Amino acid sequence: MIRHLVLFKLNDGVGRDEPRVIAGAKAFQELDGLVPELEFWECAWNITDRPIAYDFAINSAVADADALKRYLEHPAHQAAAAQWREFATWVIADYEF
C-alpha cells in the first residue's frame, strides 16, 4: 500500500470562504467514490490557527505505484488539482506502509 498525503497552503489574501476555494475543496471531496484506485480517502480543513500550519489536507491510500499513477492521471483528480493551482501551493509525501 502507498499512503498519499497532500497539504495545501492558501496563497496570501485567499480565504476559505471564496467561491473558487469552496469549489476546489468540493472537487477533492467528491473524488471519494469517483476514482476506483482510492482504497482510502479523506480530506478536510485544518482546525488549528498555528502560523506554520497548512490549510487543507488530503490523506489517501492506493494499492501500489501503478494505482497511484492511475489516480494522479485520472481526469477528476487532474481537474481538482487544476482548480487549486489558481489559489494555493502544496507539499506531497508518498510512502509505502
C-alpha atoms as a PDB file:
ATOM      1  CA  MET A   1       0.000   0.000   0.000  1.00  0.00           C
ATOM      2  CA  ILE A   2       1.054   3.562  -0.642  1.00  0.00           C
ATOM      3  CA  ARG A   3      -0.064   6.459   1.512  1.00  0.00           C
ATOM      4  CA  HIS A   4      -0.513   9.683  -0.474  1.00  0.00           C
ATOM      5  CA  LEU A   5      -0.515  12.815   1.706  1.00  0.00           C
ATOM      6  CA  VAL A   6      -1.041  16.337   0.430  1.00  0.00           C
ATOM      7  CA  LEU A   7      -1.032  19.560   2.449  1.00  0.00           C
ATOM      8  CA  PHE A   8      -2.325  22.745   0.831  1.00  0.00           C
ATOM      9  CA  LYS A   9      -1.483  26.319   1.813  1.00  0.00           C
ATOM     10  CA  LEU A  10      -3.782  29.042   0.534  1.00  0.00           C
ATOM     11  CA  ASN A  11      -1.969  31.920  -1.128  1.00  0.00           C
ATOM     12  CA  ASP A  12      -1.766  35.218   0.749  1.00  0.00           C
ATOM     13  CA  GLY A  13      -5.068  37.058   0.637  1.00  0.00           C
ATOM     14  CA  VAL A  14      -7.103  33.973  -0.289  1.00  0.00           C
ATOM     15  CA  GLY A  15      -9.861  32.956   2.126  1.00  0.00           C
ATOM     16  CA  ARG A  16     -11.603  29.656   2.686  1.00  0.00           C
ATOM     17  CA  ASP A  17     -14.965  31.292   2.042  1.00  0.00           C
ATOM     18  CA  GLU A  18     -14.162  32.337  -1.531  1.00  0.00           C
ATOM     19  CA  PRO A  19     -16.329  30.560  -4.123  1.00  0.00           C
ATOM     20  CA  ARG A  20     -13.313  29.198  -6.018  1.00  0.00           C
ATOM     21  CA  VAL A  21     -11.834  27.752  -2.813  1.00  0.00           C
ATOM     22  CA  ILE A  22     -15.161  26.209  -1.813  1.00  0.00           C
ATOM     23  CA  ALA A  23     -15.407  24.676  -5.305  1.00  0.00           C
ATOM     24  CA  GLY A  24     -11.839  23.364  -5.062  1.00  0.00           C
ATOM     25  CA  ALA A  25     -12.485  21.687  -1.714  1.00  0.00           C
ATOM     26  CA  LYS A  26     -15.704  20.183  -3.054  1.00  0.00           C
ATOM     27  CA  ALA A  27     -13.867  18.818  -6.107  1.00  0.00           C
ATOM     28  CA  PHE A  28     -11.452  16.934  -3.859  1.00  0.00           C
ATOM     29  CA  GLN A  29     -14.198  15.749  -1.504  1.00  0.00           C
ATOM     30  CA  GLU A  30     -16.041  14.274  -4.476  1.00  0.00           C
ATOM     31  CA  LEU A  31     -13.062  12.147  -5.563  1.00  0.00           C
ATOM     32  CA  ASP A  32     -14.087   9.578  -2.963  1.00  0.00           C
ATOM     33  CA  GLY A  33     -16.056   7.051  -4.967  1.00  0.00           C
ATOM     34  CA  LEU A  34     -15.112   8.539  -8.357  1.00  0.00           C
ATOM     35  CA  VAL A  35     -11.596   7.152  -8.578  1.00  0.00           C
ATOM     36  CA  PRO A  36     -11.542   3.348  -8.303  1.00  0.00           C
ATOM     37  CA  GLU A  37      -7.852   3.238  -7.287  1.00  0.00           C
ATOM     38  CA  LEU A  38      -8.546   5.017  -4.000  1.00  0.00           C
ATOM     39  CA  GLU A  39      -8.680   2.455  -1.211  1.00  0.00           C
ATOM     40  CA  PHE A  40      -8.834   5.130   1.484  1.00  0.00           C
ATOM     41  CA  TRP A  41      -9.784   8.772   1.141  1.00  0.00           C
ATOM     42  CA  GLU A  42     -10.259  11.673   3.497  1.00  0.00           C
ATOM     43  CA  CYS A  43      -9.793  15.385   3.159  1.00  0.00           C
ATOM     44  CA  ALA A  44     -10.592  18.283   5.452  1.00  0.00           C
ATOM     45  CA  TRP A  45      -9.753  21.802   6.522  1.00  0.00           C
ATOM     46  CA  ASN A  46      -7.157  22.359   9.236  1.00  0.00           C
ATOM     47  CA  ILE A  47      -8.769  23.249  12.554  1.00  0.00           C
ATOM     48  CA  THR A  48      -5.798  24.972  14.216  1.00  0.00           C
ATOM     49  CA  ASP A  49      -4.548  28.518  13.786  1.00  0.00           C
ATOM     50  CA  ARG A  50      -0.820  27.937  14.222  1.00  0.00           C
ATOM     51  CA  PRO A  51       1.181  30.037  11.757  1.00  0.00           C
ATOM     52  CA  ILE A  52       3.141  27.050  10.406  1.00  0.00           C
ATOM     53  CA  ALA A  53       0.005  25.005   9.747  1.00  0.00           C
ATOM     54  CA  TYR A  54      -1.244  24.242   6.267  1.00  0.00           C
ATOM     55  CA  ASP A  55      -4.885  24.921   5.433  1.00  0.00           C
ATOM     56  CA  PHE A  56      -6.302  21.781   3.796  1.00  0.00           C
ATOM     57  CA  ALA A  57      -5.177  18.149   3.910  1.00  0.00           C
ATOM     58  CA  ILE A  58      -5.692  15.006   1.874  1.00  0.00           C
ATOM     59  CA  ASN A  59      -4.898  11.609   3.354  1.00  0.00           C
ATOM     60  CA  SER A  60      -5.369   8.725   0.947  1.00  0.00           C
ATOM     61  CA  ALA A  61      -4.118   5.257   0.109  1.00  0.00           C
ATOM     62  CA  VAL A  62      -3.748   3.192  -3.051  1.00  0.00           C
ATOM     63  CA  ALA A  63      -2.589  -0.378  -3.621  1.00  0.00           C
ATOM     64  CA  ASP A  64       0.709   0.251  -5.404  1.00  0.00           C
ATOM     65  CA  ALA A  65       2.733   2.584  -7.630  1.00  0.00           C
ATOM     66  CA  ASP A  66       0.638   1.745 -10.696  1.00  0.00           C
ATOM     67  CA  ALA A  67      -2.558   2.616  -8.836  1.00  0.00           C
ATOM     68  CA  LEU A  68      -1.000   5.894  -7.668  1.00  0.00           C
ATOM     69  CA  LYS A  69      -0.089   6.741 -11.261  1.00  0.00           C
ATOM     70  CA  ARG A  70      -3.639   5.997 -12.451  1.00  0.00           C
ATOM     71  CA  TYR A  71      -5.079   8.112  -9.625  1.00  0.00           C
ATOM     72  CA  LEU A  72      -2.809  11.047 -10.430  1.00  0.00           C
ATOM     73  CA  GLU A  73      -3.728  10.835 -14.122  1.00  0.00           C
ATOM     74  CA  HIS A  74      -7.463  10.401 -13.506  1.00  0.00           C
ATOM     75  CA  PRO A  75      -9.418  13.263 -15.147  1.00  0.00           C
ATOM     76  CA  ALA A  76     -11.301  14.075 -11.927  1.00  0.00           C
ATOM     77  CA  HIS A  77      -8.039  14.372  -9.990  1.00  0.00           C
ATOM     78  CA  GLN A  78      -6.469  16.484 -12.731  1.00  0.00           C
ATOM     79  CA  ALA A  79      -9.480  18.820 -12.734  1.00  0.00           C
ATOM     80  CA  ALA A  80      -9.455  19.211  -8.946  1.00  0.00           C
ATOM     81  CA  ALA A  81      -5.704  19.895  -8.825  1.00  0.00           C
ATOM     82  CA  ALA A  82      -6.050  22.464 -11.622  1.00  0.00           C
ATOM     83  CA  GLN A  83      -8.500  24.436  -9.505  1.00  0.00           C
ATOM     84  CA  TRP A  84      -6.103  24.532  -6.548  1.00  0.00           C
ATOM     85  CA  ARG A  85      -3.212  25.764  -8.722  1.00  0.00           C
ATOM     86  CA  GLU A  86      -5.071  29.078  -9.004  1.00  0.00           C
ATOM     87  CA  PHE A  87      -5.026  29.863  -5.281  1.00  0.00           C
ATOM     88  CA  ALA A  88      -2.712  27.543  -3.311  1.00  0.00           C
ATOM     89  CA  THR A  89       0.618  25.766  -3.092  1.00  0.00           C
ATOM     90  CA  TRP A  90       1.141  22.306  -1.670  1.00  0.00           C
ATOM     91  CA  VAL A  91       3.555  19.656  -0.488  1.00  0.00           C
ATOM     92  CA  ILE A  92       3.230  15.937  -1.068  1.00  0.00           C
ATOM     93  CA  ALA A  93       4.533  12.787   0.579  1.00  0.00           C
ATOM     94  CA  ASP A  94       4.051   9.285  -0.818  1.00  0.00           C
ATOM     95  CA  TYR A  95       5.285   6.319   1.201  1.00  0.00           C
ATOM     96  CA  GLU A  96       4.757   2.586   1.412  1.00  0.00           C
ATOM     97  CA  PHE A  97       3.206   1.102   4.514  1.00  0.00           C
END
